[in-house]
């Protein structure tokens, strides 16, 4: 169940309108704000206006297949979680959905409600965490981002200075700015922030 004061937004895309609406209604009964779309293109337009936390999409659609849709979606919004569903599951597609297209789960129709709800809850959590991390990184300058990624690899100030051909004092100044802007003051916090922003927080 999502937080009633701040419900996660879930978009469902399926060119079978009855099934898409049924999935959206199910999620709506569990407290999510949902909307069903019959085409990926319609959902992409809506995502630009009000980003969803999680996308539940069919794989085989006439307008655009689910994997091509996922690539478009990732380019437009890297912080949306994606769950695939299909009536024609294959092992290769299941593997591709995760490894190549960043899918959180690959569900077979008819949909297992418990598995869907678990996947959506995890997707909403992941999306909120990644959006938060990206927002914290947004004020950083390109140079500060370079320094941050070096620090997140466990490099000392001197090592970062050598790697970027800068003085240790300059690195200290950049580090202080990074801490002030992100609130991540310890090495562990810096590593966690970078992982969350990249979507690999585990």
N, C-alpha and C. Protein backbone atom coordinates (compact mmCIF):
# COMPACT_ATOMS: atom_id res chain seq x y z
N UNK A 1 0.85 -1.20 0.00
CA UNK A 1 0.00 0.00 0.00
C UNK A 1 0.88 1.24 0.00
N UNK A 2 0.58 2.18 -0.87
CA UNK A 2 1.37 3.40 -0.95
C UNK A 2 0.93 4.40 0.13
N UNK A 3 1.71 5.44 0.31
CA UNK A 3 1.40 6.47 1.30
C UNK A 3 0.19 7.28 0.80
N UNK A 4 -0.93 7.28 1.54
CA UNK A 4 -2.12 7.99 1.06
C UNK A 4 -1.91 9.50 0.94
N UNK A 5 -0.94 10.04 1.69
CA UNK A 5 -0.69 11.47 1.62
C UNK A 5 0.15 11.84 0.40
N UNK A 6 0.86 10.87 -0.13
CA UNK A 6 1.72 11.13 -1.29
C UNK A 6 1.77 9.87 -2.16
N UNK A 7 0.67 9.54 -2.82
CA UNK A 7 0.62 8.28 -3.58
C UNK A 7 1.55 8.28 -4.79
N UNK A 8 2.18 7.13 -5.01
CA UNK A 8 3.02 6.98 -6.18
C UNK A 8 2.15 6.96 -7.44
N UNK A 9 2.71 7.47 -8.53
CA UNK A 9 1.99 7.52 -9.81
C UNK A 9 2.42 6.33 -10.66
N UNK A 10 1.45 5.55 -11.10
CA UNK A 10 1.71 4.36 -11.91
C UNK A 10 0.99 4.49 -13.24
N UNK A 11 1.73 4.35 -14.34
CA UNK A 11 1.13 4.36 -15.67
C UNK A 11 1.13 2.94 -16.23
N UNK A 12 0.00 2.55 -16.81
CA UNK A 12 -0.15 1.22 -17.40
C UNK A 12 -0.36 1.38 -18.90
N UNK A 13 0.42 0.65 -19.70
CA UNK A 13 0.31 0.75 -21.16
C UNK A 13 0.05 -0.63 -21.74
N UNK A 14 -1.08 -0.77 -22.41
CA UNK A 14 -1.43 -2.04 -23.07
C UNK A 14 -2.42 -1.71 -24.17
N UNK A 15 -2.19 -2.25 -25.38
CA UNK A 15 -3.11 -1.95 -26.47
C UNK A 15 -4.40 -2.77 -26.38
N UNK A 16 -4.52 -3.59 -25.34
CA UNK A 16 -5.80 -4.19 -24.96
C UNK A 16 -6.38 -3.27 -23.88
N UNK A 17 -7.29 -2.35 -24.25
CA UNK A 17 -7.75 -1.34 -23.30
C UNK A 17 -8.42 -1.91 -22.05
N UNK A 18 -9.13 -3.03 -22.22
CA UNK A 18 -9.80 -3.63 -21.07
C UNK A 18 -8.79 -4.12 -20.04
N UNK A 19 -7.74 -4.79 -20.51
CA UNK A 19 -6.73 -5.30 -19.59
C UNK A 19 -5.97 -4.15 -18.94
N UNK A 20 -5.61 -3.14 -19.74
CA UNK A 20 -4.88 -2.01 -19.19
C UNK A 20 -5.66 -1.31 -18.10
N UNK A 21 -6.95 -1.11 -18.34
CA UNK A 21 -7.79 -0.45 -17.32
C UNK A 21 -7.96 -1.34 -16.10
N UNK A 22 -8.03 -2.65 -16.30
CA UNK A 22 -8.18 -3.57 -15.17
C UNK A 22 -6.95 -3.52 -14.26
N UNK A 23 -5.77 -3.50 -14.87
CA UNK A 23 -4.55 -3.41 -14.08
C UNK A 23 -4.49 -2.07 -13.34
N UNK A 24 -4.87 -1.00 -14.02
CA UNK A 24 -4.87 0.32 -13.39
C UNK A 24 -5.85 0.37 -12.22
N UNK A 25 -7.03 -0.23 -12.40
CA UNK A 25 -8.02 -0.24 -11.32
C UNK A 25 -7.50 -1.03 -10.11
N UNK A 26 -6.86 -2.15 -10.38
CA UNK A 26 -6.30 -2.96 -9.30
C UNK A 26 -5.30 -2.15 -8.48
N UNK A 27 -4.40 -1.49 -9.18
CA UNK A 27 -3.39 -0.68 -8.49
C UNK A 27 -4.04 0.50 -7.78
N UNK A 28 -5.08 1.07 -8.39
CA UNK A 28 -5.78 2.17 -7.75
C UNK A 28 -6.43 1.76 -6.44
N UNK A 29 -6.92 0.53 -6.37
CA UNK A 29 -7.53 0.04 -5.12
C UNK A 29 -6.50 -0.09 -4.00
N UNK A 30 -5.24 -0.15 -4.37
CA UNK A 30 -4.17 -0.25 -3.37
C UNK A 30 -3.51 1.10 -3.10
N UNK A 31 -4.18 2.16 -3.50
CA UNK A 31 -3.74 3.49 -3.10
C UNK A 31 -2.86 4.23 -4.08
N UNK A 32 -2.59 3.66 -5.24
CA UNK A 32 -1.74 4.33 -6.23
C UNK A 32 -2.59 5.26 -7.10
N UNK A 33 -1.97 6.31 -7.60
CA UNK A 33 -2.59 7.14 -8.63
C UNK A 33 -2.26 6.50 -9.97
N UNK A 34 -3.27 6.07 -10.69
CA UNK A 34 -3.01 5.30 -11.91
C UNK A 34 -3.70 5.91 -13.12
N UNK A 35 -3.13 5.60 -14.27
CA UNK A 35 -3.74 5.98 -15.54
C UNK A 35 -3.37 4.93 -16.58
N UNK A 36 -4.33 4.51 -17.37
CA UNK A 36 -4.10 3.51 -18.40
C UNK A 36 -4.00 4.18 -19.77
N UNK A 37 -3.10 3.69 -20.59
CA UNK A 37 -2.89 4.21 -21.95
C UNK A 37 -2.93 3.04 -22.92
N UNK A 38 -3.45 3.30 -24.12
CA UNK A 38 -3.51 2.25 -25.14
C UNK A 38 -2.29 2.24 -26.04
N UNK A 39 -1.51 3.33 -26.04
CA UNK A 39 -0.31 3.39 -26.88
C UNK A 39 0.86 3.97 -26.10
N UNK A 40 2.08 3.51 -26.38
CA UNK A 40 3.26 4.09 -25.74
C UNK A 40 3.40 5.58 -26.02
N UNK A 41 3.06 6.01 -27.23
CA UNK A 41 3.24 7.42 -27.57
C UNK A 41 2.38 8.32 -26.69
N UNK A 42 1.17 7.87 -26.39
CA UNK A 42 0.29 8.66 -25.53
C UNK A 42 0.88 8.76 -24.12
N UNK A 43 1.46 7.66 -23.66
CA UNK A 43 2.05 7.67 -22.32
C UNK A 43 3.28 8.56 -22.27
N UNK A 44 4.09 8.55 -23.32
CA UNK A 44 5.29 9.40 -23.36
C UNK A 44 4.91 10.87 -23.25
N UNK A 45 3.83 11.24 -23.90
CA UNK A 45 3.37 12.63 -23.81
C UNK A 45 2.92 12.96 -22.38
N UNK A 46 2.22 12.03 -21.75
CA UNK A 46 1.75 12.26 -20.38
C UNK A 46 2.91 12.30 -19.40
N UNK A 47 3.92 11.48 -19.64
CA UNK A 47 5.07 11.43 -18.74
C UNK A 47 5.81 12.76 -18.71
N UNK A 48 5.81 13.44 -19.81
CA UNK A 48 6.48 14.74 -19.86
C UNK A 48 5.77 15.76 -18.98
N UNK A 49 4.45 15.62 -18.83
CA UNK A 49 3.68 16.56 -18.01
C UNK A 49 3.67 16.19 -16.54
N UNK A 50 3.55 14.90 -16.25
CA UNK A 50 3.50 14.43 -14.86
C UNK A 50 4.21 13.07 -14.80
N UNK A 51 5.49 13.07 -14.46
CA UNK A 51 6.27 11.82 -14.46
C UNK A 51 5.71 10.77 -13.51
N UNK A 52 5.58 9.56 -14.02
CA UNK A 52 5.17 8.43 -13.19
C UNK A 52 6.39 7.88 -12.47
N UNK A 53 6.14 7.24 -11.33
CA UNK A 53 7.21 6.55 -10.62
C UNK A 53 7.46 5.18 -11.24
N UNK A 54 6.40 4.57 -11.74
CA UNK A 54 6.52 3.21 -12.25
C UNK A 54 5.65 3.05 -13.50
N UNK A 55 6.18 2.32 -14.47
CA UNK A 55 5.49 2.04 -15.72
C UNK A 55 5.28 0.54 -15.83
N UNK A 56 4.04 0.13 -16.06
CA UNK A 56 3.71 -1.28 -16.30
C UNK A 56 3.31 -1.37 -17.76
N UNK A 57 4.11 -2.07 -18.57
CA UNK A 57 3.86 -2.05 -20.01
C UNK A 57 3.84 -3.44 -20.63
N UNK A 58 2.94 -3.63 -21.59
CA UNK A 58 2.92 -4.85 -22.38
C UNK A 58 4.17 -4.88 -23.26
N UNK A 59 4.61 -6.07 -23.63
CA UNK A 59 5.79 -6.20 -24.49
C UNK A 59 5.39 -6.12 -25.96
N UNK A 60 4.31 -6.79 -26.34
CA UNK A 60 3.93 -6.86 -27.75
C UNK A 60 2.76 -5.92 -28.01
N UNK A 61 3.05 -4.80 -28.70
CA UNK A 61 2.03 -3.82 -29.04
C UNK A 61 2.22 -3.36 -30.47
N UNK A 62 1.14 -3.00 -31.13
CA UNK A 62 1.21 -2.61 -32.54
C UNK A 62 1.92 -1.27 -32.72
N UNK A 63 1.68 -0.34 -31.81
CA UNK A 63 2.23 1.01 -31.94
C UNK A 63 3.75 1.02 -31.79
N UNK A 64 4.27 0.29 -30.82
CA UNK A 64 5.70 0.25 -30.52
C UNK A 64 5.92 -0.91 -29.54
N UNK A 65 6.88 -1.79 -29.80
CA UNK A 65 7.03 -2.90 -28.87
C UNK A 65 7.57 -2.41 -27.53
N UNK A 66 7.29 -3.18 -26.49
CA UNK A 66 7.60 -2.75 -25.14
C UNK A 66 9.05 -2.45 -24.88
N UNK A 67 9.95 -3.16 -25.55
CA UNK A 67 11.37 -2.94 -25.32
C UNK A 67 11.85 -1.63 -25.97
N UNK A 68 11.36 -1.36 -27.19
CA UNK A 68 11.68 -0.09 -27.83
C UNK A 68 11.09 1.06 -27.01
N UNK A 69 9.91 0.84 -26.49
CA UNK A 69 9.26 1.82 -25.62
C UNK A 69 10.11 2.08 -24.38
N UNK A 70 10.64 1.02 -23.79
CA UNK A 70 11.48 1.17 -22.60
C UNK A 70 12.71 2.02 -22.89
N UNK A 71 13.32 1.82 -24.07
CA UNK A 71 14.49 2.62 -24.44
C UNK A 71 14.12 4.09 -24.57
N UNK A 72 12.98 4.37 -25.19
CA UNK A 72 12.51 5.76 -25.31
C UNK A 72 12.25 6.35 -23.92
N UNK A 73 11.62 5.53 -23.07
CA UNK A 73 11.27 6.00 -21.73
C UNK A 73 12.51 6.30 -20.92
N UNK A 74 13.51 5.44 -20.99
CA UNK A 74 14.76 5.65 -20.25
C UNK A 74 15.47 6.92 -20.71
N UNK A 75 15.43 7.18 -22.02
CA UNK A 75 16.06 8.40 -22.54
C UNK A 75 15.32 9.64 -22.04
N UNK A 76 14.01 9.55 -21.92
CA UNK A 76 13.21 10.68 -21.48
C UNK A 76 13.24 10.86 -19.96
N UNK A 77 13.23 9.74 -19.25
CA UNK A 77 13.16 9.79 -17.78
C UNK A 77 13.92 8.60 -17.21
N UNK A 78 15.16 8.79 -16.77
CA UNK A 78 15.96 7.67 -16.27
C UNK A 78 15.52 7.17 -14.90
N UNK A 79 14.60 7.87 -14.24
CA UNK A 79 14.22 7.50 -12.88
C UNK A 79 12.85 6.84 -12.79
N UNK A 80 12.31 6.38 -13.90
CA UNK A 80 11.03 5.66 -13.85
C UNK A 80 11.33 4.16 -13.83
N UNK A 81 10.67 3.44 -12.93
CA UNK A 81 10.82 1.98 -12.87
C UNK A 81 9.93 1.36 -13.94
N UNK A 82 10.40 0.27 -14.56
CA UNK A 82 9.66 -0.36 -15.65
C UNK A 82 9.39 -1.82 -15.32
N UNK A 83 8.12 -2.22 -15.47
CA UNK A 83 7.70 -3.60 -15.29
C UNK A 83 7.07 -4.06 -16.60
N UNK A 84 7.58 -5.16 -17.15
CA UNK A 84 7.04 -5.69 -18.40
C UNK A 84 6.01 -6.77 -18.11
N UNK A 85 5.03 -6.88 -19.02
CA UNK A 85 4.05 -7.97 -18.93
C UNK A 85 3.79 -8.49 -20.34
N UNK A 86 3.51 -9.79 -20.45
CA UNK A 86 3.31 -10.37 -21.77
C UNK A 86 2.48 -11.64 -21.69
N UNK A 87 1.75 -11.93 -22.75
CA UNK A 87 1.02 -13.19 -22.86
C UNK A 87 1.86 -14.26 -23.54
N UNK A 88 3.05 -13.87 -24.04
CA UNK A 88 3.91 -14.79 -24.78
C UNK A 88 5.32 -14.77 -24.19
N UNK A 89 5.49 -15.28 -22.97
CA UNK A 89 6.79 -15.20 -22.32
C UNK A 89 7.83 -16.14 -22.94
N UNK A 90 9.06 -15.65 -23.01
CA UNK A 90 10.19 -16.48 -23.43
C UNK A 90 11.35 -16.18 -22.49
N UNK A 91 12.23 -17.14 -22.33
CA UNK A 91 13.37 -16.96 -21.44
C UNK A 91 14.27 -15.83 -21.93
N UNK A 92 14.50 -15.78 -23.24
CA UNK A 92 15.39 -14.76 -23.78
C UNK A 92 14.83 -13.36 -23.55
N UNK A 93 13.52 -13.22 -23.72
CA UNK A 93 12.91 -11.91 -23.49
C UNK A 93 12.95 -11.53 -22.02
N UNK A 94 12.78 -12.52 -21.15
CA UNK A 94 12.84 -12.25 -19.72
C UNK A 94 14.23 -11.74 -19.33
N UNK A 95 15.26 -12.37 -19.88
CA UNK A 95 16.63 -11.95 -19.59
C UNK A 95 16.89 -10.57 -20.17
N UNK A 96 16.46 -10.34 -21.41
CA UNK A 96 16.65 -9.04 -22.05
C UNK A 96 15.94 -7.93 -21.28
N UNK A 97 14.75 -8.24 -20.75
CA UNK A 97 13.97 -7.21 -20.07
C UNK A 97 14.73 -6.62 -18.89
N UNK A 98 15.56 -7.45 -18.25
CA UNK A 98 16.33 -6.99 -17.10
C UNK A 98 17.70 -6.46 -17.52
N UNK A 99 18.44 -7.25 -18.27
CA UNK A 99 19.82 -6.90 -18.59
C UNK A 99 19.94 -5.74 -19.58
N UNK A 100 19.10 -5.76 -20.60
CA UNK A 100 19.24 -4.74 -21.65
C UNK A 100 18.34 -3.54 -21.46
N UNK A 101 17.18 -3.76 -20.85
CA UNK A 101 16.20 -2.68 -20.80
C UNK A 101 15.88 -2.21 -19.39
N UNK A 102 16.58 -2.73 -18.40
CA UNK A 102 16.42 -2.23 -17.03
C UNK A 102 15.07 -2.51 -16.41
N UNK A 103 14.40 -3.58 -16.85
CA UNK A 103 13.11 -3.91 -16.27
C UNK A 103 13.25 -4.43 -14.85
N UNK A 104 12.28 -4.10 -14.02
CA UNK A 104 12.27 -4.57 -12.64
C UNK A 104 11.70 -5.98 -12.55
N UNK A 105 10.74 -6.29 -13.41
CA UNK A 105 10.15 -7.63 -13.42
C UNK A 105 9.56 -7.89 -14.80
N UNK A 106 9.28 -9.16 -15.06
CA UNK A 106 8.74 -9.61 -16.35
C UNK A 106 7.60 -10.56 -16.02
N UNK A 107 6.37 -10.05 -16.11
CA UNK A 107 5.20 -10.78 -15.64
C UNK A 107 4.44 -11.44 -16.79
N UNK A 108 3.99 -12.66 -16.53
CA UNK A 108 3.22 -13.40 -17.52
C UNK A 108 1.73 -13.16 -17.30
N UNK A 109 1.01 -12.93 -18.41
CA UNK A 109 -0.45 -12.80 -18.35
C UNK A 109 -1.08 -14.20 -18.32
N UNK A 110 -2.17 -14.40 -17.58
CA UNK A 110 -2.81 -13.44 -16.69
C UNK A 110 -1.91 -13.09 -15.51
N UNK A 111 -1.99 -11.82 -15.10
CA UNK A 111 -1.06 -11.27 -14.13
C UNK A 111 -1.31 -11.84 -12.73
N UNK A 112 -0.23 -12.25 -12.08
CA UNK A 112 -0.26 -12.64 -10.68
C UNK A 112 -0.35 -11.35 -9.86
N UNK A 113 -1.48 -11.12 -9.20
CA UNK A 113 -1.70 -9.85 -8.51
C UNK A 113 -0.66 -9.58 -7.42
N UNK A 114 -0.34 -10.61 -6.66
CA UNK A 114 0.63 -10.43 -5.58
C UNK A 114 1.99 -10.03 -6.11
N UNK A 115 2.41 -10.68 -7.18
CA UNK A 115 3.72 -10.36 -7.76
C UNK A 115 3.71 -8.97 -8.36
N UNK A 116 2.61 -8.60 -9.01
CA UNK A 116 2.50 -7.26 -9.58
C UNK A 116 2.60 -6.20 -8.49
N UNK A 117 1.84 -6.38 -7.41
CA UNK A 117 1.84 -5.40 -6.33
C UNK A 117 3.22 -5.28 -5.69
N UNK A 118 3.90 -6.41 -5.52
CA UNK A 118 5.25 -6.37 -4.94
C UNK A 118 6.21 -5.63 -5.86
N UNK A 119 6.11 -5.90 -7.16
CA UNK A 119 7.00 -5.25 -8.12
C UNK A 119 6.74 -3.75 -8.18
N UNK A 120 5.47 -3.35 -8.18
CA UNK A 120 5.13 -1.93 -8.24
C UNK A 120 5.61 -1.21 -6.98
N UNK A 121 5.44 -1.83 -5.82
CA UNK A 121 5.90 -1.21 -4.57
C UNK A 121 7.41 -1.01 -4.61
N UNK A 122 8.13 -2.01 -5.08
CA UNK A 122 9.59 -1.89 -5.18
C UNK A 122 9.98 -0.84 -6.22
N UNK A 123 9.24 -0.81 -7.34
CA UNK A 123 9.53 0.16 -8.38
C UNK A 123 9.31 1.59 -7.91
N UNK A 124 8.23 1.82 -7.18
CA UNK A 124 7.96 3.16 -6.66
C UNK A 124 9.04 3.60 -5.68
N UNK A 125 9.46 2.66 -4.81
CA UNK A 125 10.53 2.98 -3.85
C UNK A 125 11.82 3.34 -4.58
N UNK A 126 12.18 2.52 -5.57
CA UNK A 126 13.40 2.74 -6.34
C UNK A 126 13.35 4.09 -7.06
N UNK A 127 12.22 4.40 -7.68
CA UNK A 127 12.07 5.65 -8.42
C UNK A 127 12.20 6.86 -7.51
N UNK A 128 11.53 6.83 -6.36
CA UNK A 128 11.62 7.95 -5.43
C UNK A 128 13.06 8.16 -4.97
N UNK A 129 13.73 7.06 -4.68
CA UNK A 129 15.11 7.14 -4.20
C UNK A 129 16.02 7.72 -5.29
N UNK A 130 15.84 7.25 -6.51
CA UNK A 130 16.70 7.75 -7.58
C UNK A 130 16.39 9.20 -7.92
N UNK A 131 15.14 9.57 -7.95
CA UNK A 131 14.79 10.97 -8.22
C UNK A 131 15.38 11.88 -7.15
N UNK A 132 15.31 11.42 -5.89
CA UNK A 132 15.87 12.22 -4.80
C UNK A 132 17.36 12.41 -4.95
N UNK A 133 18.06 11.33 -5.31
CA UNK A 133 19.51 11.41 -5.47
C UNK A 133 19.88 12.31 -6.65
N UNK A 134 19.15 12.19 -7.75
CA UNK A 134 19.43 13.04 -8.92
C UNK A 134 19.19 14.51 -8.59
N UNK A 135 18.16 14.77 -7.79
CA UNK A 135 17.87 16.15 -7.40
C UNK A 135 19.00 16.72 -6.53
N UNK A 136 19.56 15.89 -5.66
CA UNK A 136 20.67 16.34 -4.81
C UNK A 136 21.93 16.61 -5.63
N UNK A 137 22.10 15.88 -6.72
CA UNK A 137 23.28 16.06 -7.57
C UNK A 137 23.11 17.21 -8.57
N UNK A 138 21.89 17.62 -8.81
CA UNK A 138 21.62 18.62 -9.84
C UNK A 138 22.40 19.92 -9.68
N UNK A 139 22.61 20.43 -8.43
CA UNK A 139 23.33 21.71 -8.31
C UNK A 139 24.83 21.62 -8.57
N UNK A 140 25.39 20.42 -8.66
CA UNK A 140 26.83 20.28 -8.83
C UNK A 140 27.29 20.74 -10.21
N UNK A 141 28.46 21.34 -10.24
CA UNK A 141 29.08 21.71 -11.51
C UNK A 141 29.68 20.47 -12.15
N UNK A 142 29.99 20.51 -13.45
CA UNK A 142 30.64 19.36 -14.09
C UNK A 142 31.92 18.93 -13.38
N UNK A 143 32.73 19.89 -12.93
CA UNK A 143 33.97 19.55 -12.24
C UNK A 143 33.68 18.90 -10.89
N UNK A 144 32.69 19.41 -10.18
CA UNK A 144 32.32 18.82 -8.90
C UNK A 144 31.82 17.39 -9.09
N UNK A 145 31.15 17.13 -10.19
CA UNK A 145 30.70 15.77 -10.47
C UNK A 145 31.89 14.84 -10.71
N UNK A 146 32.88 15.34 -11.43
CA UNK A 146 34.10 14.55 -11.64
C UNK A 146 34.76 14.20 -10.31
N UNK A 147 34.87 15.20 -9.45
CA UNK A 147 35.49 14.98 -8.14
C UNK A 147 34.66 13.99 -7.33
N UNK A 148 33.35 14.16 -7.35
CA UNK A 148 32.47 13.27 -6.60
C UNK A 148 32.65 11.82 -7.02
N UNK A 149 32.69 11.57 -8.31
CA UNK A 149 32.81 10.20 -8.78
C UNK A 149 34.17 9.60 -8.42
N UNK A 150 35.18 10.41 -8.37
CA UNK A 150 36.49 9.92 -7.91
C UNK A 150 36.44 9.58 -6.43
N UNK A 151 35.86 10.47 -5.65
CA UNK A 151 35.75 10.24 -4.21
C UNK A 151 34.91 9.00 -3.91
N UNK A 152 33.87 8.80 -4.71
CA UNK A 152 32.99 7.65 -4.51
C UNK A 152 33.68 6.33 -4.83
N UNK A 153 34.81 6.40 -5.53
CA UNK A 153 35.61 5.21 -5.80
C UNK A 153 36.62 4.93 -4.69
N UNK A 154 36.57 5.76 -3.64
CA UNK A 154 37.46 5.56 -2.51
C UNK A 154 38.80 6.27 -2.63
N UNK A 155 38.91 7.18 -3.59
CA UNK A 155 40.17 7.89 -3.79
C UNK A 155 40.33 9.00 -2.75
N UNK A 156 41.57 9.20 -2.30
CA UNK A 156 41.86 10.28 -1.37
C UNK A 156 41.92 11.60 -2.13
N UNK A 157 41.94 12.72 -1.39
CA UNK A 157 42.04 14.02 -2.04
C UNK A 157 43.27 14.11 -2.94
N UNK A 158 44.40 13.59 -2.44
CA UNK A 158 45.64 13.63 -3.23
C UNK A 158 45.51 12.79 -4.50
N UNK A 159 44.88 11.65 -4.38
CA UNK A 159 44.70 10.79 -5.56
C UNK A 159 43.79 11.45 -6.59
N UNK A 160 42.72 12.11 -6.10
CA UNK A 160 41.83 12.81 -7.02
C UNK A 160 42.55 13.96 -7.70
N UNK A 161 43.36 14.68 -6.91
CA UNK A 161 44.12 15.81 -7.46
C UNK A 161 45.03 15.33 -8.59
N UNK A 162 45.70 14.20 -8.37
CA UNK A 162 46.61 13.66 -9.39
C UNK A 162 45.84 13.20 -10.62
N UNK A 163 44.70 12.56 -10.39
CA UNK A 163 43.92 12.04 -11.51
C UNK A 163 43.35 13.15 -12.39
N UNK A 164 43.00 14.29 -11.76
CA UNK A 164 42.36 15.38 -12.50
C UNK A 164 43.32 16.53 -12.79
N UNK A 165 44.60 16.34 -12.45
CA UNK A 165 45.62 17.37 -12.68
C UNK A 165 45.25 18.70 -12.01
N UNK A 166 44.82 18.59 -10.76
CA UNK A 166 44.47 19.76 -9.96
C UNK A 166 45.27 19.72 -8.66
N UNK A 167 45.27 20.83 -7.94
CA UNK A 167 45.98 20.86 -6.66
C UNK A 167 45.11 20.23 -5.57
N UNK A 168 45.75 19.65 -4.54
CA UNK A 168 44.97 19.10 -3.42
C UNK A 168 44.05 20.15 -2.79
N UNK A 169 44.51 21.40 -2.72
CA UNK A 169 43.68 22.46 -2.14
C UNK A 169 42.40 22.66 -2.97
N UNK A 170 42.53 22.62 -4.29
CA UNK A 170 41.36 22.76 -5.16
C UNK A 170 40.38 21.61 -4.92
N UNK A 171 40.91 20.40 -4.75
CA UNK A 171 40.05 19.25 -4.49
C UNK A 171 39.34 19.41 -3.15
N UNK A 172 40.06 19.92 -2.15
CA UNK A 172 39.44 20.17 -0.85
C UNK A 172 38.28 21.16 -0.98
N UNK A 173 38.48 22.19 -1.78
CA UNK A 173 37.42 23.19 -1.99
C UNK A 173 36.22 22.56 -2.70
N UNK A 174 36.50 21.74 -3.72
CA UNK A 174 35.41 21.06 -4.44
C UNK A 174 34.66 20.11 -3.50
N UNK A 175 35.42 19.42 -2.68
CA UNK A 175 34.79 18.47 -1.75
C UNK A 175 33.88 19.20 -0.77
N UNK A 176 34.33 20.33 -0.27
CA UNK A 176 33.51 21.12 0.65
C UNK A 176 32.23 21.58 -0.04
N UNK A 177 32.34 21.97 -1.31
CA UNK A 177 31.16 22.40 -2.06
C UNK A 177 30.19 21.24 -2.28
N UNK A 178 30.73 20.06 -2.55
CA UNK A 178 29.90 18.87 -2.76
C UNK A 178 29.11 18.53 -1.49
N UNK A 179 29.81 18.59 -0.35
CA UNK A 179 29.15 18.30 0.92
C UNK A 179 28.05 19.32 1.21
N UNK A 180 28.35 20.60 0.96
CA UNK A 180 27.37 21.66 1.22
C UNK A 180 26.14 21.50 0.35
N UNK A 181 26.32 21.09 -0.91
CA UNK A 181 25.21 21.00 -1.85
C UNK A 181 24.39 19.72 -1.71
N UNK A 182 25.06 18.61 -1.33
CA UNK A 182 24.37 17.32 -1.29
C UNK A 182 24.07 16.83 0.12
N UNK A 183 24.81 17.33 1.10
CA UNK A 183 24.64 16.86 2.47
C UNK A 183 25.32 15.53 2.73
N UNK A 184 26.04 15.00 1.75
CA UNK A 184 26.74 13.73 1.91
C UNK A 184 28.16 14.01 2.40
N UNK A 185 28.38 13.89 3.70
CA UNK A 185 29.65 14.32 4.29
C UNK A 185 30.68 13.21 4.44
N UNK A 186 30.24 11.97 4.53
CA UNK A 186 31.18 10.87 4.73
C UNK A 186 31.43 10.13 3.42
N UNK A 187 32.55 9.40 3.33
CA UNK A 187 32.81 8.60 2.13
C UNK A 187 31.66 7.62 1.83
N UNK A 188 31.12 7.00 2.88
CA UNK A 188 30.02 6.05 2.67
C UNK A 188 28.79 6.74 2.11
N UNK A 189 28.51 7.95 2.59
CA UNK A 189 27.35 8.69 2.10
C UNK A 189 27.54 9.10 0.65
N UNK A 190 28.76 9.47 0.27
CA UNK A 190 29.04 9.83 -1.12
C UNK A 190 28.85 8.63 -2.04
N UNK A 191 29.34 7.47 -1.59
CA UNK A 191 29.20 6.25 -2.39
C UNK A 191 27.72 5.90 -2.56
N UNK A 192 26.97 5.99 -1.45
CA UNK A 192 25.54 5.66 -1.50
C UNK A 192 24.80 6.61 -2.44
N UNK A 193 25.15 7.90 -2.40
CA UNK A 193 24.48 8.88 -3.25
C UNK A 193 24.72 8.60 -4.72
N UNK A 194 25.96 8.29 -5.08
CA UNK A 194 26.28 7.99 -6.47
C UNK A 194 25.56 6.73 -6.94
N UNK A 195 25.49 5.73 -6.08
CA UNK A 195 24.79 4.49 -6.45
C UNK A 195 23.30 4.72 -6.62
N UNK A 196 22.71 5.49 -5.72
CA UNK A 196 21.28 5.78 -5.84
C UNK A 196 20.99 6.56 -7.12
N UNK A 197 21.85 7.51 -7.45
CA UNK A 197 21.64 8.32 -8.66
C UNK A 197 21.78 7.48 -9.93
N UNK A 198 22.62 6.46 -9.87
CA UNK A 198 22.82 5.60 -11.04
C UNK A 198 21.80 4.47 -11.10
N UNK A 199 21.00 4.32 -10.02
CA UNK A 199 20.00 3.26 -9.99
C UNK A 199 20.56 1.92 -9.63
N UNK A 200 21.77 1.89 -9.01
CA UNK A 200 22.42 0.62 -8.65
C UNK A 200 22.64 0.52 -7.16
N UNK A 201 21.67 1.01 -6.40
CA UNK A 201 21.81 0.99 -4.94
C UNK A 201 21.57 -0.38 -4.34
N UNK A 202 21.19 -1.34 -5.18
CA UNK A 202 21.00 -2.71 -4.71
C UNK A 202 19.65 -2.93 -4.09
